[in-house]
Structures are given as C-alpha cells and as structure tokens.
Amino acid sequence: MMKNPVHPGEILREDVLAEIGLSVSEAASRLGISRVALSRVLHGHARISSNLAVRLEEAGVGTARAWLAMQAAYDLASERAAGTPKVRRLQPVA
C-alpha cells in the first residue's frame, strides 16, 4: 500500500477527464450529478461515495470496487497521518 495515496478525485480529474477531454460540467451531466458535487470530488474536498463509484462504473470508468478501494486507502492514510487515537484494548471484564 502506498504511504501517501492520491485522492481518487485527482486521479479522476487528471487521468480520466483530462485524457478524454471532458469538462467538469459535461462529465457531471453524463454521470447524472451536479457540477458542484463533481468539482468537490475532483479537488479533494469530498469523498467518492458508493453512489458515485457505481455511476463511474456504469459510465465505463473502472469498477466501483476500485474507486472505493482508492478512497478507503486515501482515508486510512489521512487518519494515520493525523495520529493514532488513544484507545484501550477490548478485553473481557475480569
């Protein structure tokens, strides 16, 4: 696993939309979501939801599972970078 994974919105922006020459507005229209919602994902201000992942899969852009795996990897790396929370082991009460 990568230490610092890229937000999947950046991958969508740079490796998908830029490659096929689609604007944010046109991509949002084709995906059936608002331009603002897509823009927030593309700029890393919002997560790729399961709904968007399914829409991307239906649009022929990878699998929903792959998009969600990228998002999960990014989220986990962000949480770990923020520091380990103080927790106690879950053990049977004596």
Protein backbone atom coordinates (compact mmCIF):
# COMPACT_ATOMS: atom_id res chain seq x y z
CA MET A 1 0.00 0.00 0.00
CA MET A 2 1.22 3.50 -0.81
CA LYS A 3 2.30 5.65 2.10
CA ASN A 4 0.60 8.78 0.75
CA PRO A 5 -2.10 7.78 -1.72
CA VAL A 6 -3.50 10.45 -4.00
CA HIS A 7 -7.13 11.46 -3.53
CA PRO A 8 -9.13 9.48 -6.10
CA GLY A 9 -10.72 12.71 -7.31
CA GLU A 10 -7.31 13.81 -8.55
CA ILE A 11 -6.98 10.54 -10.48
CA LEU A 12 -10.43 11.08 -11.96
CA ARG A 13 -9.55 14.67 -12.88
CA GLU A 14 -6.05 14.11 -14.29
CA ASP A 15 -6.11 10.55 -15.63
CA VAL A 16 -9.68 10.23 -16.81
CA LEU A 17 -11.40 13.52 -17.62
CA ALA A 18 -8.29 15.29 -18.91
CA GLU A 19 -7.39 12.29 -21.08
CA ILE A 20 -10.79 12.16 -22.77
CA GLY A 21 -11.17 15.93 -22.89
CA LEU A 22 -14.37 16.26 -20.86
CA SER A 23 -15.19 19.38 -18.90
CA VAL A 24 -16.44 19.11 -15.35
CA SER A 25 -19.88 20.24 -16.48
CA GLU A 26 -20.10 17.67 -19.27
CA ALA A 27 -18.80 14.85 -17.07
CA ALA A 28 -21.25 15.77 -14.31
CA SER A 29 -24.11 15.83 -16.79
CA ARG A 30 -23.16 12.40 -18.17
CA LEU A 31 -22.84 11.00 -14.64
CA GLY A 32 -26.19 12.48 -13.56
CA ILE A 33 -24.77 14.58 -10.71
CA SER A 34 -24.33 18.30 -10.16
CA ARG A 35 -21.25 20.11 -11.43
CA VAL A 36 -20.58 21.37 -7.89
CA ALA A 37 -20.70 17.85 -6.42
CA LEU A 38 -18.28 16.53 -9.04
CA SER A 39 -15.98 19.53 -8.70
CA ARG A 40 -15.75 18.97 -4.94
CA VAL A 41 -14.62 15.38 -5.54
CA LEU A 42 -12.17 16.35 -8.29
CA HIS A 43 -10.47 18.87 -5.98
CA GLY A 44 -10.32 16.57 -2.96
CA HIS A 45 -12.97 18.39 -0.93
CA ALA A 46 -15.41 15.47 -0.99
CA ARG A 47 -15.12 11.69 -0.98
CA ILE A 48 -16.01 9.33 -3.79
CA SER A 49 -19.24 7.87 -2.45
CA SER A 50 -20.55 4.42 -3.26
CA ASN A 51 -23.19 6.14 -5.40
CA LEU A 52 -20.56 7.97 -7.47
CA ALA A 53 -18.43 4.82 -7.68
CA VAL A 54 -21.38 2.92 -9.20
CA ARG A 55 -22.04 5.80 -11.61
CA LEU A 56 -18.39 5.77 -12.70
CA GLU A 57 -18.55 2.03 -13.26
CA GLU A 58 -21.75 2.38 -15.31
CA ALA A 59 -20.02 5.13 -17.33
CA GLY A 60 -17.21 2.70 -18.18
CA VAL A 61 -14.56 4.24 -15.95
CA GLY A 62 -13.17 1.36 -13.91
CA THR A 63 -15.05 -0.60 -11.29
CA ALA A 64 -16.97 0.73 -8.32
CA ARG A 65 -14.85 -1.52 -6.09
CA ALA A 66 -11.63 0.03 -7.40
CA TRP A 67 -12.85 3.61 -6.83
CA LEU A 68 -13.98 2.75 -3.30
CA ALA A 69 -10.68 0.97 -2.58
CA MET A 70 -8.78 4.11 -3.66
CA GLN A 71 -10.98 6.24 -1.42
CA ALA A 72 -10.51 3.87 1.53
CA ALA A 73 -6.72 3.88 1.07
CA TYR A 74 -6.72 7.68 0.99
CA ASP A 75 -8.97 7.92 4.06
CA LEU A 76 -6.87 5.46 6.08
CA ALA A 77 -3.64 7.27 5.21
CA SER A 78 -5.21 10.59 6.23
CA GLU A 79 -6.39 9.16 9.56
CA ARG A 80 -2.99 7.64 10.30
CA ALA A 81 -1.24 10.90 9.39
CA ALA A 82 -3.45 12.69 11.91
CA GLY A 83 -2.03 10.48 14.69
CA THR A 84 -3.09 7.35 16.46
CA PRO A 85 -6.06 7.87 18.77
CA LYS A 86 -5.71 6.83 22.39
CA VAL A 87 -7.66 3.63 22.86
CA ARG A 88 -7.65 0.71 25.26
CA ARG A 89 -7.83 -2.92 24.20
CA LEU A 90 -11.22 -4.55 24.19
CA GLN A 91 -10.79 -7.39 26.64
CA PRO A 92 -13.19 -9.33 28.82
CA VAL A 93 -14.01 -7.65 32.08
CA ALA A 94 -12.44 -9.65 34.92
